[in-house]
Amino acid sequence: MMGGDVAAGLLLAVCAFMLAFVPRRIMATGIVAGVAMTIAVVVSWQMLPVKVAFAGCWISLIVTAMLVYFPQVLRHAPWAAPVLAANTGFWAAQVILVEGDWHDLVPVLPVWLAVVPAIVCVARGWVLPVRIVTSWLLAVALLVGSIPYLVVHPGYEADHKE
């Protein structure tokens, strides 16, 4: 198990922080696109292989997080925010489906509300807290994403025969 709900929650939180840097109309379009894509993938029940789903999730998380650090890209290409939000919704649904069922999506979807404190911070010019939390989310994503590929350590998997 790689933790589909954790990966999806990290991805949705980073996307919510990215959407705080765009105008409100585009932000609303992005959230609707992300939620709609997530629900559409869950309803269609089309799953990718586990490794592909998680690789897409981690790559999307990195690309989306970079836009928190370089928001000027979003000013020059405002269409990118809703497209990345839909991409986020797609990969979040994929990792949830490959690791569980659609019921796991229910506690993850409210993570989109992380956009509210991020909007307040960005509107007041406090960009640094949003970037710090994004850095923390990237670090957690790096740890969660790399553990399955590391050497097995005692306590992580059973290290004795039954």
Protein backbone atom coordinates (compact mmCIF):
# COMPACT_ATOMS: atom_id res chain seq x y z
CA MET A 1 0.00 0.00 0.00
CA MET A 2 1.33 3.40 -0.95
CA GLY A 3 -1.37 5.52 0.65
CA GLY A 4 -3.65 6.74 -2.12
CA ASP A 5 -5.58 9.03 0.16
CA VAL A 6 -2.39 10.64 1.49
CA ALA A 7 -1.04 11.19 -2.03
CA ALA A 8 -4.36 12.61 -3.21
CA GLY A 9 -4.61 14.90 -0.19
CA LEU A 10 -1.09 16.24 -0.73
CA LEU A 11 -1.79 16.84 -4.41
CA LEU A 12 -5.10 18.61 -3.79
CA ALA A 13 -3.58 20.82 -1.08
CA VAL A 14 -0.73 21.93 -3.34
CA CYS A 15 -3.22 22.65 -6.13
CA ALA A 16 -5.35 24.70 -3.75
CA PHE A 17 -2.30 26.77 -2.82
CA MET A 18 -1.48 27.26 -6.50
CA LEU A 19 -5.02 28.47 -7.20
CA ALA A 20 -4.66 31.17 -4.53
CA PHE A 21 -2.32 33.05 -6.88
CA VAL A 22 -4.83 33.45 -9.74
CA PRO A 23 -7.84 35.78 -10.05
CA ARG A 24 -11.01 34.60 -8.30
CA ARG A 25 -12.92 33.75 -11.50
CA ILE A 26 -10.11 31.52 -12.73
CA MET A 27 -9.70 30.03 -9.26
CA ALA A 28 -13.39 29.09 -9.13
CA THR A 29 -13.14 27.56 -12.61
CA GLY A 30 -10.09 25.60 -11.49
CA ILE A 31 -11.78 24.20 -8.39
CA VAL A 32 -14.87 23.21 -10.38
CA ALA A 33 -12.66 21.59 -13.06
CA GLY A 34 -10.65 19.70 -10.44
CA VAL A 35 -13.66 18.40 -8.53
CA ALA A 36 -15.52 17.54 -11.74
CA MET A 37 -12.53 15.61 -13.11
CA THR A 38 -12.11 13.74 -9.82
CA ILE A 39 -15.76 12.71 -9.75
CA ALA A 40 -15.76 11.83 -13.47
CA VAL A 41 -12.77 9.50 -13.08
CA VAL A 42 -14.27 7.86 -10.00
CA VAL A 43 -17.63 7.36 -11.73
CA SER A 44 -16.03 5.95 -14.89
CA TRP A 45 -13.91 3.61 -12.74
CA GLN A 46 -11.09 3.53 -15.30
CA MET A 47 -7.91 2.69 -13.42
CA LEU A 48 -4.32 2.93 -14.54
CA PRO A 49 -1.60 0.61 -13.22
CA VAL A 50 -0.50 1.44 -9.66
CA LYS A 51 3.00 2.61 -10.57
CA VAL A 52 1.70 4.82 -13.39
CA ALA A 53 -0.95 6.39 -11.16
CA PHE A 54 1.52 7.24 -8.41
CA ALA A 55 4.18 8.46 -10.83
CA GLY A 56 1.63 10.78 -12.43
CA CYS A 57 0.53 11.97 -9.01
CA TRP A 58 4.06 12.82 -7.86
CA ILE A 59 5.00 14.50 -11.14
CA SER A 60 1.80 16.58 -11.06
CA LEU A 61 2.50 17.54 -7.47
CA ILE A 62 5.97 18.81 -8.37
CA VAL A 63 4.78 20.77 -11.41
CA THR A 64 1.88 22.30 -9.50
CA ALA A 65 4.10 23.21 -6.54
CA MET A 66 6.56 24.96 -8.81
CA LEU A 67 3.77 27.35 -9.82
CA VAL A 68 3.45 28.38 -6.17
CA TYR A 69 7.06 29.52 -6.35
CA PHE A 70 6.72 31.07 -9.83
CA PRO A 71 3.19 32.56 -9.94
CA GLN A 72 4.17 34.92 -12.77
CA VAL A 73 3.70 31.94 -15.12
CA LEU A 74 0.02 31.91 -14.14
CA ARG A 75 -0.30 35.62 -14.94
CA HIS A 76 1.02 35.05 -18.47
CA ALA A 77 -0.93 31.84 -19.04
CA PRO A 78 -4.17 32.04 -17.00
CA TRP A 79 -5.54 28.97 -18.78
CA ALA A 80 -2.88 26.87 -17.04
CA ALA A 81 -4.55 27.00 -13.61
CA PRO A 82 -7.84 25.26 -14.57
CA VAL A 83 -5.94 22.76 -16.73
CA LEU A 84 -3.60 21.88 -13.86
CA ALA A 85 -6.56 21.69 -11.47
CA ALA A 86 -8.28 19.19 -13.79
CA ASN A 87 -4.99 17.29 -14.03
CA THR A 88 -4.82 17.27 -10.24
CA GLY A 89 -8.34 15.91 -10.01
CA PHE A 90 -7.52 13.17 -12.50
CA TRP A 91 -4.41 11.94 -10.67
CA ALA A 92 -6.00 12.28 -7.23
CA ALA A 93 -8.87 10.06 -8.36
CA GLN A 94 -6.46 7.57 -9.95
CA VAL A 95 -4.38 7.07 -6.79
CA ILE A 96 -7.52 6.73 -4.70
CA LEU A 97 -9.00 4.15 -7.06
CA VAL A 98 -5.87 2.00 -7.28
CA GLU A 99 -5.44 1.90 -3.51
CA GLY A 100 -9.04 1.67 -2.36
CA ASP A 101 -12.52 2.54 -3.52
CA TRP A 102 -14.52 5.69 -4.09
CA HIS A 103 -15.41 5.99 -0.39
CA ASP A 104 -11.82 7.07 0.25
CA LEU A 105 -12.51 10.17 -1.83
CA VAL A 106 -15.00 11.61 0.67
CA PRO A 107 -12.47 12.66 3.34
CA VAL A 108 -10.02 13.93 0.69
CA LEU A 109 -12.25 16.33 -1.29
CA PRO A 110 -12.53 18.93 1.52
CA VAL A 111 -8.79 19.52 1.12
CA TRP A 112 -9.79 21.92 -1.69
CA LEU A 113 -10.85 24.26 1.14
CA ALA A 114 -7.15 24.87 1.84
CA VAL A 115 -7.48 27.55 -0.80
CA VAL A 116 -9.29 29.82 1.70
CA PRO A 117 -6.39 30.49 4.09
CA ALA A 118 -4.03 30.63 1.12
CA ILE A 119 -6.19 33.34 -0.49
CA VAL A 120 -6.12 35.37 2.72
CA CYS A 121 -2.34 35.10 2.94
CA VAL A 122 -1.75 35.99 -0.72
CA ALA A 123 -4.23 38.89 -0.60
CA ARG A 124 -2.40 40.38 2.39
CA GLY A 125 0.97 39.91 0.74
CA TRP A 126 1.99 37.06 3.02
CA VAL A 127 3.25 34.78 0.28
CA LEU A 128 6.00 33.23 2.40
CA PRO A 129 3.68 31.11 4.64
CA VAL A 130 2.02 29.61 1.56
CA ARG A 131 5.42 28.76 0.09
CA ILE A 132 6.66 27.30 3.38
CA VAL A 133 3.63 25.01 3.68
CA THR A 134 4.08 24.03 0.03
CA SER A 135 7.72 23.16 0.76
CA TRP A 136 6.59 21.03 3.67
CA LEU A 137 4.05 19.25 1.46
CA LEU A 138 6.78 18.61 -1.12
CA ALA A 139 9.01 17.11 1.58
CA VAL A 140 6.22 14.84 2.80
CA ALA A 141 5.46 13.84 -0.79
CA LEU A 142 9.12 13.00 -1.34
CA LEU A 143 9.15 10.79 1.74
CA VAL A 144 5.84 9.08 1.00
CA GLY A 145 6.75 8.60 -2.66
CA SER A 146 10.22 7.21 -2.02
CA ILE A 147 9.55 4.76 0.83
CA PRO A 148 8.24 1.94 -1.42
CA TYR A 149 11.45 2.09 -3.48
CA LEU A 150 13.92 2.11 -0.60
CA VAL A 151 15.59 -0.88 1.03
CA VAL A 152 13.29 -2.62 3.47
CA HIS A 153 14.07 -1.62 7.04
CA PRO A 154 12.99 -3.49 10.17
CA GLY A 155 9.54 -2.42 11.21
CA TYR A 156 8.39 -1.30 7.77
CA GLU A 157 7.65 -4.82 6.54
CA ALA A 158 7.61 -8.14 8.30
CA ASP A 159 11.23 -9.21 8.73
CA HIS A 160 10.64 -12.69 10.07
CA LYS A 161 8.99 -15.87 8.88
CA GLU A 162 5.74 -16.96 10.40
